[in-house]
């Protein structure tokens, strides 16, 4: 998904700069793509929250019942949480860019009367 979103942002940048592409660009298709990426962001938010809660609960359990195995499990949860946070951060920021591109492209199309 990261590669797909990055590629789509490059396409939108190209469309924004080229008036011939802008003339044929479908804003409705862009809205559909934004919805796909929003759905992906929601799923990753839920997974990130789940791993955050698991990590927190594991820390609480370890503080009450220390165990090497639980500590190892907590380290694994923490590593997964860090990677999920990084990916969610990427999704969140780039979906915000999609909103900006949508507004800019819509404005350009209105100015050019397409």
C-alpha atoms as a PDB file:
ATOM      1  CA  UNK A   1       0.000   0.000   0.000  1.00  0.00           C
ATOM      2  CA  UNK A   2       2.885   2.337   0.702  1.00  0.00           C
ATOM      3  CA  UNK A   3       4.187   1.968  -2.845  1.00  0.00           C
ATOM      4  CA  UNK A   4       0.708   2.381  -4.333  1.00  0.00           C
ATOM      5  CA  UNK A   5       0.066   5.580  -2.391  1.00  0.00           C
ATOM      6  CA  UNK A   6       3.481   6.993  -3.289  1.00  0.00           C
ATOM      7  CA  UNK A   7       2.912   6.227  -6.980  1.00  0.00           C
ATOM      8  CA  UNK A   8      -0.533   7.794  -6.892  1.00  0.00           C
ATOM      9  CA  UNK A   9       0.887  10.983  -5.372  1.00  0.00           C
ATOM     10  CA  UNK A  10       3.444  11.156  -8.203  1.00  0.00           C
ATOM     11  CA  UNK A  11       0.634  10.754 -10.746  1.00  0.00           C
ATOM     12  CA  UNK A  12      -1.349  13.547  -9.106  1.00  0.00           C
ATOM     13  CA  UNK A  13       1.676  15.832  -9.122  1.00  0.00           C
ATOM     14  CA  UNK A  14       2.060  15.165 -12.854  1.00  0.00           C
ATOM     15  CA  UNK A  15      -1.637  15.807 -13.511  1.00  0.00           C
ATOM     16  CA  UNK A  16      -1.489  19.055 -11.589  1.00  0.00           C
ATOM     17  CA  UNK A  17       1.371  20.329 -13.773  1.00  0.00           C
ATOM     18  CA  UNK A  18       0.089  19.163 -17.186  1.00  0.00           C
ATOM     19  CA  UNK A  19      -3.049  20.886 -18.484  1.00  0.00           C
ATOM     20  CA  UNK A  20      -3.731  18.182 -21.095  1.00  0.00           C
ATOM     21  CA  UNK A  21      -3.814  15.530 -18.365  1.00  0.00           C
ATOM     22  CA  UNK A  22      -5.843  17.837 -16.175  1.00  0.00           C
ATOM     23  CA  UNK A  23      -8.520  18.098 -18.871  1.00  0.00           C
ATOM     24  CA  UNK A  24      -9.121  14.338 -18.875  1.00  0.00           C
ATOM     25  CA  UNK A  25      -8.615  13.751 -15.162  1.00  0.00           C
ATOM     26  CA  UNK A  26     -11.651  12.308 -13.372  1.00  0.00           C
ATOM     27  CA  UNK A  27     -12.192  13.769  -9.910  1.00  0.00           C
ATOM     28  CA  UNK A  28     -14.732  11.060  -9.075  1.00  0.00           C
ATOM     29  CA  UNK A  29     -12.062   8.397  -9.584  1.00  0.00           C
ATOM     30  CA  UNK A  30      -9.802  10.359  -7.260  1.00  0.00           C
ATOM     31  CA  UNK A  31     -12.531  10.357  -4.610  1.00  0.00           C
ATOM     32  CA  UNK A  32     -12.783   6.568  -4.954  1.00  0.00           C
ATOM     33  CA  UNK A  33      -9.012   6.251  -4.496  1.00  0.00           C
ATOM     34  CA  UNK A  34      -9.123   8.535  -1.457  1.00  0.00           C
ATOM     35  CA  UNK A  35     -11.813   6.298   0.060  1.00  0.00           C
ATOM     36  CA  UNK A  36      -9.634   3.219  -0.496  1.00  0.00           C
ATOM     37  CA  UNK A  37      -6.707   4.893   1.234  1.00  0.00           C
ATOM     38  CA  UNK A  38      -8.934   6.133   4.074  1.00  0.00           C
ATOM     39  CA  UNK A  39     -10.136   2.583   4.624  1.00  0.00           C
ATOM     40  CA  UNK A  40      -6.538   1.358   4.726  1.00  0.00           C
ATOM     41  CA  UNK A  41      -5.708   4.098   7.232  1.00  0.00           C
ATOM     42  CA  UNK A  42      -8.646   3.092   9.449  1.00  0.00           C
ATOM     43  CA  UNK A  43      -7.596  -0.561   9.452  1.00  0.00           C
ATOM     44  CA  UNK A  44      -4.032   0.385  10.355  1.00  0.00           C
ATOM     45  CA  UNK A  45      -5.282   2.686  13.110  1.00  0.00           C
ATOM     46  CA  UNK A  46      -7.261  -0.186  14.640  1.00  0.00           C
ATOM     47  CA  UNK A  47      -4.322  -2.597  14.376  1.00  0.00           C
ATOM     48  CA  UNK A  48      -1.968   0.013  15.854  1.00  0.00           C
ATOM     49  CA  UNK A  49      -4.345   0.636  18.761  1.00  0.00           C
ATOM     50  CA  UNK A  50      -4.680  -3.115  19.303  1.00  0.00           C
ATOM     51  CA  UNK A  51      -0.904  -3.575  19.512  1.00  0.00           C
ATOM     52  CA  UNK A  52      -0.601  -0.501  21.737  1.00  0.00           C
ATOM     53  CA  UNK A  53      -3.142  -1.943  24.154  1.00  0.00           C
ATOM     54  CA  UNK A  54      -1.473  -5.375  24.050  1.00  0.00           C
ATOM     55  CA  UNK A  55       1.908  -3.794  24.781  1.00  0.00           C
ATOM     56  CA  UNK A  56       0.478  -1.791  27.684  1.00  0.00           C
ATOM     57  CA  UNK A  57      -1.316  -4.809  29.153  1.00  0.00           C
ATOM     58  CA  UNK A  58       1.824  -6.902  28.788  1.00  0.00           C
ATOM     59  CA  UNK A  59       3.836  -4.259  30.682  1.00  0.00           C
ATOM     60  CA  UNK A  60       1.241  -4.278  33.471  1.00  0.00           C
ATOM     61  CA  UNK A  61       1.255  -8.068  33.639  1.00  0.00           C
ATOM     62  CA  UNK A  62       5.072  -8.180  33.698  1.00  0.00           C
ATOM     63  CA  UNK A  63       5.124  -5.678  36.564  1.00  0.00           C
ATOM     64  CA  UNK A  64       2.871  -8.006  38.575  1.00  0.00           C
ATOM     65  CA  UNK A  65       4.301 -11.355  37.453  1.00  0.00           C
ATOM     66  CA  UNK A  66       7.846 -10.966  36.100  1.00  0.00           C
ATOM     67  CA  UNK A  67       8.782 -13.507  33.462  1.00  0.00           C
ATOM     68  CA  UNK A  68      11.474 -13.731  30.795  1.00  0.00           C
ATOM     69  CA  UNK A  69       8.983 -15.157  28.278  1.00  0.00           C
ATOM     70  CA  UNK A  70       6.533 -12.316  28.855  1.00  0.00           C
ATOM     71  CA  UNK A  71       9.354  -9.797  28.595  1.00  0.00           C
ATOM     72  CA  UNK A  72      10.325 -11.295  25.217  1.00  0.00           C
ATOM     73  CA  UNK A  73       6.679 -11.148  24.127  1.00  0.00           C
ATOM     74  CA  UNK A  74       6.504  -7.506  25.199  1.00  0.00           C
ATOM     75  CA  UNK A  75       9.641  -6.694  23.196  1.00  0.00           C
ATOM     76  CA  UNK A  76       8.010  -8.314  20.160  1.00  0.00           C
ATOM     77  CA  UNK A  77       4.814  -6.297  20.687  1.00  0.00           C
ATOM     78  CA  UNK A  78       6.849  -3.114  21.064  1.00  0.00           C
ATOM     79  CA  UNK A  79       8.786  -3.752  17.833  1.00  0.00           C
ATOM     80  CA  UNK A  80       5.548  -4.421  15.947  1.00  0.00           C
ATOM     81  CA  UNK A  81       4.006  -1.308  17.477  1.00  0.00           C
ATOM     82  CA  UNK A  82       6.905   0.861  16.289  1.00  0.00           C
ATOM     83  CA  UNK A  83       6.559  -0.416  12.723  1.00  0.00           C
ATOM     84  CA  UNK A  84       2.785   0.006  12.746  1.00  0.00           C
ATOM     85  CA  UNK A  85       3.188   3.557  14.061  1.00  0.00           C
ATOM     86  CA  UNK A  86       5.657   4.378  11.279  1.00  0.00           C
ATOM     87  CA  UNK A  87       3.329   3.011   8.626  1.00  0.00           C
ATOM     88  CA  UNK A  88       0.293   4.748  10.106  1.00  0.00           C
ATOM     89  CA  UNK A  89       2.244   8.029  10.211  1.00  0.00           C
ATOM     90  CA  UNK A  90       3.052   7.592   6.506  1.00  0.00           C
ATOM     91  CA  UNK A  91      -0.602   6.872   5.662  1.00  0.00           C
ATOM     92  CA  UNK A  92      -1.932   9.771   7.704  1.00  0.00           C
ATOM     93  CA  UNK A  93       0.435  12.356   6.224  1.00  0.00           C
ATOM     94  CA  UNK A  94       0.022  11.218   2.641  1.00  0.00           C
ATOM     95  CA  UNK A  95      -3.754  11.024   2.837  1.00  0.00           C
ATOM     96  CA  UNK A  96      -3.658  14.626   4.010  1.00  0.00           C
ATOM     97  CA  UNK A  97      -1.631  15.344   0.856  1.00  0.00           C
ATOM     98  CA  UNK A  98      -4.357  13.639  -1.194  1.00  0.00           C
ATOM     99  CA  UNK A  99      -6.906  16.060   0.248  1.00  0.00           C
ATOM    100  CA  UNK A 100      -4.691  18.986  -0.748  1.00  0.00           C
ATOM    101  CA  UNK A 101      -4.201  17.577  -4.248  1.00  0.00           C
ATOM    102  CA  UNK A 102      -7.939  17.104  -4.612  1.00  0.00           C
ATOM    103  CA  UNK A 103      -8.607  20.725  -3.649  1.00  0.00           C
ATOM    104  CA  UNK A 104      -5.852  22.026  -5.946  1.00  0.00           C
ATOM    105  CA  UNK A 105      -6.896  19.912  -8.936  1.00  0.00           C
ATOM    106  CA  UNK A 106     -10.553  20.799  -8.451  1.00  0.00           C
ATOM    107  CA  UNK A 107      -9.639  24.485  -8.315  1.00  0.00           C
ATOM    108  CA  UNK A 108      -7.473  24.206 -11.451  1.00  0.00           C
ATOM    109  CA  UNK A 109     -10.223  22.375 -13.342  1.00  0.00           C
ATOM    110  CA  UNK A 110     -12.745  25.049 -12.357  1.00  0.00           C
ATOM    111  CA  UNK A 111     -10.379  27.821 -13.424  1.00  0.00           C
ATOM    112  CA  UNK A 112      -9.803  26.135 -16.786  1.00  0.00           C
ATOM    113  CA  UNK A 113     -13.539  25.332 -17.121  1.00  0.00           C
ATOM    114  CA  UNK A 114     -13.037  21.592 -17.612  1.00  0.00           C
END
